[in-house]
Amino acid sequence: TVHAGLLPVLTFMEKLLFRKRVQEAVRKERGANAQYQIVDAMQMIVIGLIAGATSMVQIVKVWADEVLMKLVLVKTGNSGMERNSCRCHDRA
């Protein structure tokens, strides 16, 4: 996969407790039926920008990578970020 180089970035974000720090800083709860939490969106944008994306469409293309999504699911244990739950990747 072209995004395999993002694995060290995900590991580094995990060591920085990125998700925990964003949750503490933002403190915004989403409803039970929300597909993504704020921290998910923040992580998607940061990783997309690091991958070289210059627009939201390109960020969506980065996150359409199945291997990248599986890595994030393993590292975060977040089933809300499953690729199939993101309908926006089909438009990119």
PDB file of N, CA and C in Angstrom:
ATOM      1  N   THR A   1       0.839  -1.184   0.000  1.00  0.00           N
ATOM      2  CA  THR A   1       0.000   0.000   0.000  1.00  0.00           C
ATOM      3  C   THR A   1       0.886   1.250   0.000  1.00  0.00           C
ATOM      4  N   VAL A   2       0.435   2.279  -0.643  1.00  0.00           N
ATOM      5  CA  VAL A   2       1.225   3.505  -0.733  1.00  0.00           C
ATOM      6  C   VAL A   2       1.284   4.249   0.599  1.00  0.00           C
ATOM      7  N   HIS A   3       0.411   3.916   1.516  1.00  0.00           N
ATOM      8  CA  HIS A   3       0.349   4.613   2.799  1.00  0.00           C
ATOM      9  C   HIS A   3       0.976   3.820   3.941  1.00  0.00           C
ATOM     10  N   ALA A   4       1.738   2.778   3.624  1.00  0.00           N
ATOM     11  CA  ALA A   4       2.356   1.953   4.666  1.00  0.00           C
ATOM     12  C   ALA A   4       3.323   2.756   5.519  1.00  0.00           C
ATOM     13  N   GLY A   5       3.908   3.816   4.972  1.00  0.00           N
ATOM     14  CA  GLY A   5       4.835   4.649   5.719  1.00  0.00           C
ATOM     15  C   GLY A   5       4.170   5.426   6.849  1.00  0.00           C
ATOM     16  N   LEU A   6       2.860   5.393   6.914  1.00  0.00           N
ATOM     17  CA  LEU A   6       2.141   6.098   7.977  1.00  0.00           C
ATOM     18  C   LEU A   6       2.091   5.298   9.277  1.00  0.00           C
ATOM     19  N   LEU A   7       2.504   4.043   9.250  1.00  0.00           N
ATOM     20  CA  LEU A   7       2.496   3.233  10.464  1.00  0.00           C
ATOM     21  C   LEU A   7       3.322   3.868  11.586  1.00  0.00           C
ATOM     22  N   PRO A   8       4.546   4.354  11.323  1.00  0.00           N
ATOM     23  CA  PRO A   8       5.292   5.009  12.402  1.00  0.00           C
ATOM     24  C   PRO A   8       4.589   6.264  12.933  1.00  0.00           C
ATOM     25  N   VAL A   9       3.878   6.959  12.058  1.00  0.00           N
ATOM     26  CA  VAL A   9       3.141   8.149  12.490  1.00  0.00           C
ATOM     27  C   VAL A   9       2.017   7.743  13.443  1.00  0.00           C
ATOM     28  N   LEU A  10       1.299   6.695  13.093  1.00  0.00           N
ATOM     29  CA  LEU A  10       0.227   6.203  13.968  1.00  0.00           C
ATOM     30  C   LEU A  10       0.786   5.748  15.316  1.00  0.00           C
ATOM     31  N   THR A  11       1.934   5.082  15.278  1.00  0.00           N
ATOM     32  CA  THR A  11       2.579   4.637  16.517  1.00  0.00           C
ATOM     33  C   THR A  11       2.990   5.828  17.368  1.00  0.00           C
ATOM     34  N   PHE A  12       3.557   6.851  16.720  1.00  0.00           N
ATOM     35  CA  PHE A  12       3.973   8.053  17.435  1.00  0.00           C
ATOM     36  C   PHE A  12       2.769   8.769  18.048  1.00  0.00           C
ATOM     37  N   MET A  13       1.682   8.869  17.284  1.00  0.00           N
ATOM     38  CA  MET A  13       0.462   9.506  17.810  1.00  0.00           C
ATOM     39  C   MET A  13      -0.071   8.735  19.014  1.00  0.00           C
ATOM     40  N   GLU A  14       0.049   7.417  18.955  1.00  0.00           N
ATOM     41  CA  GLU A  14      -0.394   6.588  20.069  1.00  0.00           C
ATOM     42  C   GLU A  14       0.459   6.857  21.309  1.00  0.00           C
ATOM     43  N   LYS A  15       1.767   6.964  21.125  1.00  0.00           N
ATOM     44  CA  LYS A  15       2.670   7.232  22.254  1.00  0.00           C
ATOM     45  C   LYS A  15       2.439   8.622  22.842  1.00  0.00           C
ATOM     46  N   LEU A  16       2.034   9.562  22.006  1.00  0.00           N
ATOM     47  CA  LEU A  16       1.727  10.914  22.475  1.00  0.00           C
ATOM     48  C   LEU A  16       0.365  11.003  23.163  1.00  0.00           C
ATOM     49  N   LEU A  17      -0.371   9.904  23.126  1.00  0.00           N
ATOM     50  CA  LEU A  17      -1.745   9.871  23.644  1.00  0.00           C
ATOM     51  C   LEU A  17      -2.613  10.896  22.924  1.00  0.00           C
ATOM     52  N   PHE A  18      -2.442  10.975  21.606  1.00  0.00           N
ATOM     53  CA  PHE A  18      -3.142  11.955  20.780  1.00  0.00           C
ATOM     54  C   PHE A  18      -4.650  11.906  20.995  1.00  0.00           C
ATOM     55  N   ARG A  19      -5.223  10.720  20.891  1.00  0.00           N
ATOM     56  CA  ARG A  19      -6.679  10.588  21.000  1.00  0.00           C
ATOM     57  C   ARG A  19      -7.175  11.050  22.370  1.00  0.00           C
ATOM     58  N   LYS A  20      -6.473  10.641  23.421  1.00  0.00           N
ATOM     59  CA  LYS A  20      -6.867  11.019  24.775  1.00  0.00           C
ATOM     60  C   LYS A  20      -6.777  12.536  24.964  1.00  0.00           C
ATOM     61  N   ARG A  21      -5.711  13.124  24.467  1.00  0.00           N
ATOM     62  CA  ARG A  21      -5.506  14.573  24.625  1.00  0.00           C
ATOM     63  C   ARG A  21      -6.548  15.375  23.857  1.00  0.00           C
ATOM     64  N   VAL A  22      -6.907  14.919  22.664  1.00  0.00           N
ATOM     65  CA  VAL A  22      -7.946  15.612  21.897  1.00  0.00           C
ATOM     66  C   VAL A  22      -9.277  15.499  22.622  1.00  0.00           C
ATOM     67  N   GLN A  23      -9.603  14.315  23.120  1.00  0.00           N
ATOM     68  CA  GLN A  23     -10.862  14.132  23.851  1.00  0.00           C
ATOM     69  C   GLN A  23     -10.924  15.033  25.077  1.00  0.00           C
ATOM     70  N   GLU A  24      -9.819  15.159  25.790  1.00  0.00           N
ATOM     71  CA  GLU A  24      -9.785  16.016  26.976  1.00  0.00           C
ATOM     72  C   GLU A  24      -9.912  17.491  26.605  1.00  0.00           C
ATOM     73  N   ALA A  25      -9.288  17.879  25.507  1.00  0.00           N
ATOM     74  CA  ALA A  25      -9.288  19.282  25.100  1.00  0.00           C
ATOM     75  C   ALA A  25     -10.632  19.718  24.517  1.00  0.00           C
ATOM     76  N   VAL A  26     -11.265  18.854  23.772  1.00  0.00           N
ATOM     77  CA  VAL A  26     -12.502  19.231  23.077  1.00  0.00           C
ATOM     78  C   VAL A  26     -13.735  18.984  23.936  1.00  0.00           C
ATOM     79  N   ARG A  27     -13.791  17.874  24.615  1.00  0.00           N
ATOM     80  CA  ARG A  27     -14.907  17.518  25.493  1.00  0.00           C
ATOM     81  C   ARG A  27     -16.278  17.668  24.824  1.00  0.00           C
ATOM     82  N   LYS A  28     -16.402  17.093  23.666  1.00  0.00           N
ATOM     83  CA  LYS A  28     -17.663  17.125  22.938  1.00  0.00           C
ATOM     84  C   LYS A  28     -18.137  15.698  22.740  1.00  0.00           C
ATOM     85  N   GLU A  29     -19.262  15.355  23.360  1.00  0.00           N
ATOM     86  CA  GLU A  29     -19.830  14.019  23.202  1.00  0.00           C
ATOM     87  C   GLU A  29     -20.775  14.010  22.015  1.00  0.00           C
ATOM     88  N   ARG A  30     -20.657  12.996  21.202  1.00  0.00           N
ATOM     89  CA  ARG A  30     -21.563  12.826  20.072  1.00  0.00           C
ATOM     90  C   ARG A  30     -22.600  11.796  20.465  1.00  0.00           C
ATOM     91  N   GLY A  31     -23.681  11.768  19.750  1.00  0.00           N
ATOM     92  CA  GLY A  31     -24.758  10.836  20.033  1.00  0.00           C
ATOM     93  C   GLY A  31     -24.351   9.397  19.811  1.00  0.00           C
ATOM     94  N   ALA A  32     -25.148   8.489  20.336  1.00  0.00           N
ATOM     95  CA  ALA A  32     -24.847   7.064  20.234  1.00  0.00           C
ATOM     96  C   ALA A  32     -24.864   6.578  18.787  1.00  0.00           C
ATOM     97  N   ASN A  33     -25.592   7.286  17.917  1.00  0.00           N
ATOM     98  CA  ASN A  33     -25.679   6.855  16.522  1.00  0.00           C
ATOM     99  C   ASN A  33     -24.639   7.535  15.622  1.00  0.00           C
ATOM    100  N   ALA A  34     -23.736   8.317  16.197  1.00  0.00           N
ATOM    101  CA  ALA A  34     -22.703   8.994  15.413  1.00  0.00           C
ATOM    102  C   ALA A  34     -21.707   7.974  14.876  1.00  0.00           C
ATOM    103  N   GLN A  35     -21.348   8.111  13.601  1.00  0.00           N
ATOM    104  CA  GLN A  35     -20.382   7.193  13.013  1.00  0.00           C
ATOM    105  C   GLN A  35     -18.973   7.505  13.489  1.00  0.00           C
ATOM    106  N   TYR A  36     -18.682   8.776  13.703  1.00  0.00           N
ATOM    107  CA  TYR A  36     -17.357   9.192  14.108  1.00  0.00           C
ATOM    108  C   TYR A  36     -17.445  10.115  15.313  1.00  0.00           C
ATOM    109  N   GLN A  37     -16.446  10.054  16.156  1.00  0.00           N
ATOM    110  CA  GLN A  37     -16.294  11.007  17.238  1.00  0.00           C
ATOM    111  C   GLN A  37     -15.369  12.123  16.740  1.00  0.00           C
ATOM    112  N   ILE A  38     -15.328  13.226  17.452  1.00  0.00           N
ATOM    113  CA  ILE A  38     -14.467  14.347  17.066  1.00  0.00           C
ATOM    114  C   ILE A  38     -13.014  13.896  16.948  1.00  0.00           C
ATOM    115  N   VAL A  39     -12.584  13.074  17.880  1.00  0.00           N
ATOM    116  CA  VAL A  39     -11.193  12.613  17.858  1.00  0.00           C
ATOM    117  C   VAL A  39     -10.901  11.801  16.596  1.00  0.00           C
ATOM    118  N   ASP A  40     -11.875  11.063  16.082  1.00  0.00           N
ATOM    119  CA  ASP A  40     -11.684  10.310  14.841  1.00  0.00           C
ATOM    120  C   ASP A  40     -11.441  11.265  13.675  1.00  0.00           C
ATOM    121  N   ALA A  41     -12.260  12.312  13.589  1.00  0.00           N
ATOM    122  CA  ALA A  41     -12.114  13.288  12.511  1.00  0.00           C
ATOM    123  C   ALA A  41     -10.772  14.001  12.602  1.00  0.00           C
ATOM    124  N   MET A  42     -10.375  14.365  13.805  1.00  0.00           N
ATOM    125  CA  MET A  42      -9.086  15.048  13.987  1.00  0.00           C
ATOM    126  C   MET A  42      -7.939  14.144  13.543  1.00  0.00           C
ATOM    127  N   GLN A  43      -7.996  12.885  13.939  1.00  0.00           N
ATOM    128  CA  GLN A  43      -6.923  11.959  13.559  1.00  0.00           C
ATOM    129  C   GLN A  43      -6.906  11.754  12.048  1.00  0.00           C
ATOM    130  N   MET A  44      -8.062  11.646  11.422  1.00  0.00           N
ATOM    131  CA  MET A  44      -8.121  11.478   9.970  1.00  0.00           C
ATOM    132  C   MET A  44      -7.490  12.668   9.253  1.00  0.00           C
ATOM    133  N   ILE A  45      -7.796  13.875   9.725  1.00  0.00           N
ATOM    134  CA  ILE A  45      -7.260  15.075   9.086  1.00  0.00           C
ATOM    135  C   ILE A  45      -5.748  15.164   9.274  1.00  0.00           C
ATOM    136  N   VAL A  46      -5.267  14.932  10.488  1.00  0.00           N
ATOM    137  CA  VAL A  46      -3.825  15.019  10.749  1.00  0.00           C
ATOM    138  C   VAL A  46      -3.068  13.997   9.907  1.00  0.00           C
ATOM    139  N   ILE A  47      -3.517  12.764   9.899  1.00  0.00           N
ATOM    140  CA  ILE A  47      -2.841  11.725   9.108  1.00  0.00           C
ATOM    141  C   ILE A  47      -2.913  12.057   7.619  1.00  0.00           C
ATOM    142  N   GLY A  48      -4.049  12.539   7.166  1.00  0.00           N
ATOM    143  CA  GLY A  48      -4.189  12.918   5.762  1.00  0.00           C
ATOM    144  C   GLY A  48      -3.219  14.010   5.369  1.00  0.00           C
ATOM    145  N   LEU A  49      -3.067  15.021   6.222  1.00  0.00           N
ATOM    146  CA  LEU A  49      -2.127  16.112   5.937  1.00  0.00           C
ATOM    147  C   LEU A  49      -0.693  15.613   5.931  1.00  0.00           C
ATOM    148  N   ILE A  50      -0.354  14.731   6.867  1.00  0.00           N
ATOM    149  CA  ILE A  50       0.997  14.164   6.899  1.00  0.00           C
ATOM    150  C   ILE A  50       1.253  13.334   5.639  1.00  0.00           C
ATOM    151  N   ALA A  51       0.226  12.692   5.131  1.00  0.00           N
ATOM    152  CA  ALA A  51       0.352  11.881   3.918  1.00  0.00           C
ATOM    153  C   ALA A  51       0.470  12.745   2.662  1.00  0.00           C
ATOM    154  N   GLY A  52       0.269  14.057   2.811  1.00  0.00           N
ATOM    155  CA  GLY A  52       0.422  14.952   1.667  1.00  0.00           C
ATOM    156  C   GLY A  52      -0.870  15.475   1.082  1.00  0.00           C
ATOM    157  N   ALA A  53      -1.993  15.190   1.705  1.00  0.00           N
ATOM    158  CA  ALA A  53      -3.271  15.672   1.205  1.00  0.00           C
ATOM    159  C   ALA A  53      -3.338  17.195   1.318  1.00  0.00           C
ATOM    160  N   THR A  54      -3.896  17.815   0.290  1.00  0.00           N
ATOM    161  CA  THR A  54      -4.044  19.272   0.296  1.00  0.00           C
ATOM    162  C   THR A  54      -5.507  19.704   0.265  1.00  0.00           C
ATOM    163  N   SER A  55      -6.405  18.734   0.296  1.00  0.00           N
ATOM    164  CA  SER A  55      -7.839  19.036   0.316  1.00  0.00           C
ATOM    165  C   SER A  55      -8.570  17.920   1.055  1.00  0.00           C
ATOM    166  N   MET A  56      -9.803  18.180   1.416  1.00  0.00           N
ATOM    167  CA  MET A  56     -10.594  17.156   2.105  1.00  0.00           C
ATOM    168  C   MET A  56     -10.821  15.937   1.207  1.00  0.00           C
ATOM    169  N   VAL A  57     -10.946  16.155  -0.085  1.00  0.00           N
ATOM    170  CA  VAL A  57     -11.127  15.034  -1.017  1.00  0.00           C
ATOM    171  C   VAL A  57      -9.902  14.114  -0.965  1.00  0.00           C
ATOM    172  N   GLN A  58      -8.721  14.706  -0.924  1.00  0.00           N
ATOM    173  CA  GLN A  58      -7.507  13.895  -0.848  1.00  0.00           C
ATOM    174  C   GLN A  58      -7.388  13.197   0.499  1.00  0.00           C
ATOM    175  N   ILE A  59      -7.841  13.823   1.569  1.00  0.00           N
ATOM    176  CA  ILE A  59      -7.844  13.174   2.887  1.00  0.00           C
ATOM    177  C   ILE A  59      -8.746  11.948   2.848  1.00  0.00           C
ATOM    178  N   VAL A  60      -9.898  12.076   2.204  1.00  0.00           N
ATOM    179  CA  VAL A  60     -10.815  10.936   2.072  1.00  0.00           C
ATOM    180  C   VAL A  60     -10.153   9.817   1.276  1.00  0.00           C
ATOM    181  N   LYS A  61      -9.392  10.179   0.247  1.00  0.00           N
ATOM    182  CA  LYS A  61      -8.697   9.154  -0.554  1.00  0.00           C
ATOM    183  C   LYS A  61      -7.661   8.420   0.284  1.00  0.00           C
ATOM    184  N   VAL A  62      -6.949   9.148   1.144  1.00  0.00           N
ATOM    185  CA  VAL A  62      -5.976   8.498   2.029  1.00  0.00           C
ATOM    186  C   VAL A  62      -6.697   7.494   2.911  1.00  0.00           C
ATOM    187  N   TRP A  63      -7.821   7.891   3.484  1.00  0.00           N
ATOM    188  CA  TRP A  63      -8.534   7.028   4.421  1.00  0.00           C
ATOM    189  C   TRP A  63      -9.338   5.931   3.737  1.00  0.00           C
ATOM    190  N   ALA A  64      -9.409   5.953   2.401  1.00  0.00           N
ATOM    191  CA  ALA A  64     -10.072   4.863   1.678  1.00  0.00           C
ATOM    192  C   ALA A  64      -9.162   3.640   1.578  1.00  0.00           C
ATOM    193  N   ASP A  65      -7.903   3.793   1.983  1.00  0.00           N
ATOM    194  CA  ASP A  65      -6.936   2.701   1.945  1.00  0.00           C
ATOM    195  C   ASP A  65      -7.296   1.674   3.020  1.00  0.00           C
ATOM    196  N   GLU A  66      -7.626   0.457   2.585  1.00  0.00           N
ATOM    197  CA  GLU A  66      -8.080  -0.579   3.510  1.00  0.00           C
ATOM    198  C   GLU A  66      -7.022  -0.963   4.539  1.00  0.00           C
ATOM    199  N   VAL A  67      -5.771  -1.020   4.132  1.00  0.00           N
ATOM    200  CA  VAL A  67      -4.696  -1.400   5.051  1.00  0.00           C
ATOM    201  C   VAL A  67      -4.555  -0.348   6.146  1.00  0.00           C
ATOM    202  N   LEU A  68      -4.587   0.927   5.770  1.00  0.00           N
ATOM    203  CA  LEU A  68      -4.487   2.010   6.751  1.00  0.00           C
ATOM    204  C   LEU A  68      -5.635   1.934   7.753  1.00  0.00           C
ATOM    205  N   MET A  69      -6.839   1.701   7.259  1.00  0.00           N
ATOM    206  CA  MET A  69      -7.988   1.612   8.161  1.00  0.00           C
ATOM    207  C   MET A  69      -7.840   0.439   9.130  1.00  0.00           C
ATOM    208  N   LYS A  70      -7.366  -0.688   8.635  1.00  0.00           N
ATOM    209  CA  LYS A  70      -7.182  -1.846   9.514  1.00  0.00           C
ATOM    210  C   LYS A  70      -6.125  -1.562  10.578  1.00  0.00           C
ATOM    211  N   LEU A  71      -5.048  -0.862  10.205  1.00  0.00           N
ATOM    212  CA  LEU A  71      -4.019  -0.489  11.178  1.00  0.00           C
ATOM    213  C   LEU A  71      -4.603   0.396  12.272  1.00  0.00           C
ATOM    214  N   VAL A  72      -5.409   1.354  11.882  1.00  0.00           N
ATOM    215  CA  VAL A  72      -6.021   2.257  12.861  1.00  0.00           C
ATOM    216  C   VAL A  72      -6.982   1.493  13.753  1.00  0.00           C
ATOM    217  N   LEU A  73      -7.758   0.593  13.178  1.00  0.00           N
ATOM    218  CA  LEU A  73      -8.695  -0.199  13.980  1.00  0.00           C
ATOM    219  C   LEU A  73      -7.958  -1.043  15.011  1.00  0.00           C
ATOM    220  N   VAL A  74      -6.837  -1.631  14.604  1.00  0.00           N
ATOM    221  CA  VAL A  74      -6.050  -2.449  15.530  1.00  0.00           C
ATOM    222  C   VAL A  74      -5.465  -1.582  16.632  1.00  0.00           C
ATOM    223  N   LYS A  75      -4.915  -0.422  16.275  1.00  0.00           N
ATOM    224  CA  LYS A  75      -4.257   0.444  17.254  1.00  0.00           C
ATOM    225  C   LYS A  75      -5.243   1.114  18.207  1.00  0.00           C
ATOM    226  N   THR A  76      -6.427   1.481  17.710  1.00  0.00           N
ATOM    227  CA  THR A  76      -7.374   2.220  18.546  1.00  0.00           C
ATOM    228  C   THR A  76      -8.492   1.345  19.100  1.00  0.00           C
ATOM    229  N   GLY A  77      -8.754   0.221  18.433  1.00  0.00           N
ATOM    230  CA  GLY A  77      -9.883  -0.610  18.845  1.00  0.00           C
ATOM    231  C   GLY A  77     -11.216   0.069  18.577  1.00  0.00           C
ATOM    232  N   ASN A  78     -11.232   1.025  17.643  1.00  0.00           N
ATOM    233  CA  ASN A  78     -12.421   1.829  17.368  1.00  0.00           C
ATOM    234  C   ASN A  78     -13.184   1.256  16.189  1.00  0.00           C
ATOM    235  N   SER A  79     -14.283   0.582  16.438  1.00  0.00           N
ATOM    236  CA  SER A  79     -15.072  -0.010  15.359  1.00  0.00           C
ATOM    237  C   SER A  79     -15.869   1.036  14.606  1.00  0.00           C
ATOM    238  N   GLY A  80     -15.992   2.240  15.128  1.00  0.00           N
ATOM    239  CA  GLY A  80     -16.723   3.303  14.447  1.00  0.00           C
ATOM    240  C   GLY A  80     -16.001   3.825  13.221  1.00  0.00           C
ATOM    241  N   MET A  81     -14.721   3.499  13.093  1.00  0.00           N
ATOM    242  CA  MET A  81     -13.950   3.993  11.965  1.00  0.00           C
ATOM    243  C   MET A  81     -13.833   2.965  10.854  1.00  0.00           C
ATOM    244  N   GLU A  82     -14.687   1.970  10.841  1.00  0.00           N
ATOM    245  CA  GLU A  82     -14.616   0.956   9.798  1.00  0.00           C
ATOM    246  C   GLU A  82     -14.833   1.605   8.441  1.00  0.00           C
ATOM    247  N   ARG A  83     -14.082   1.153   7.457  1.00  0.00           N
ATOM    248  CA  ARG A  83     -14.138   1.735   6.121  1.00  0.00           C
ATOM    249  C   ARG A  83     -15.558   1.723   5.565  1.00  0.00           C
ATOM    250  N   ASN A  84     -16.286   0.654   5.769  1.00  0.00           N
ATOM    251  CA  ASN A  84     -17.616   0.555   5.204  1.00  0.00           C
ATOM    252  C   ASN A  84     -18.584   1.538   5.843  1.00  0.00           C
ATOM    253  N   SER A  85     -18.281   2.048   7.023  1.00  0.00           N
ATOM    254  CA  SER A  85     -19.181   3.002   7.653  1.00  0.00           C
ATOM    255  C   SER A  85     -18.965   4.412   7.128  1.00  0.00           C
ATOM    256  N   CYS A  86     -17.902   4.632   6.337  1.00  0.00           N
ATOM    257  CA  CYS A  86     -17.625   5.943   5.774  1.00  0.00           C
ATOM    258  C   CYS A  86     -18.134   5.974   4.348  1.00  0.00           C
ATOM    259  N   ARG A  87     -19.276   6.552   4.144  1.00  0.00           N
ATOM    260  CA  ARG A  87     -19.870   6.599   2.824  1.00  0.00           C
ATOM    261  C   ARG A  87     -19.178   7.599   1.905  1.00  0.00           C
ATOM    262  N   CYS A  88     -18.386   8.508   2.477  1.00  0.00           N
ATOM    263  CA  CYS A  88     -17.756   9.551   1.673  1.00  0.00           C
ATOM    264  C   CYS A  88     -16.629   9.016   0.811  1.00  0.00           C
ATOM    265  N   HIS A  89     -16.033   7.856   1.131  1.00  0.00           N
ATOM    266  CA  HIS A  89     -14.899   7.362   0.355  1.00  0.00           C
ATOM    267  C   HIS A  89     -15.296   6.952  -1.052  1.00  0.00           C
ATOM    268  N   ASP A  90     -16.574   6.632  -1.261  1.00  0.00           N
ATOM    269  CA  ASP A  90     -17.023   6.218  -2.590  1.00  0.00           C
ATOM    270  C   ASP A  90     -17.042   7.384  -3.569  1.00  0.00           C
ATOM    271  N   ARG A  91     -17.176   8.600  -3.056  1.00  0.00           N
ATOM    272  CA  ARG A  91     -17.262   9.776  -3.930  1.00  0.00           C
ATOM    273  C   ARG A  91     -15.886  10.269  -4.331  1.00  0.00           C
ATOM    274  N   ALA A  92     -14.844   9.878  -3.615  1.00  0.00           N
ATOM    275  CA  ALA A  92     -13.496  10.412  -3.891  1.00  0.00           C
ATOM    276  C   ALA A  92     -12.859   9.738  -5.088  1.00  0.00           C
TER     277      ALA A  92
END
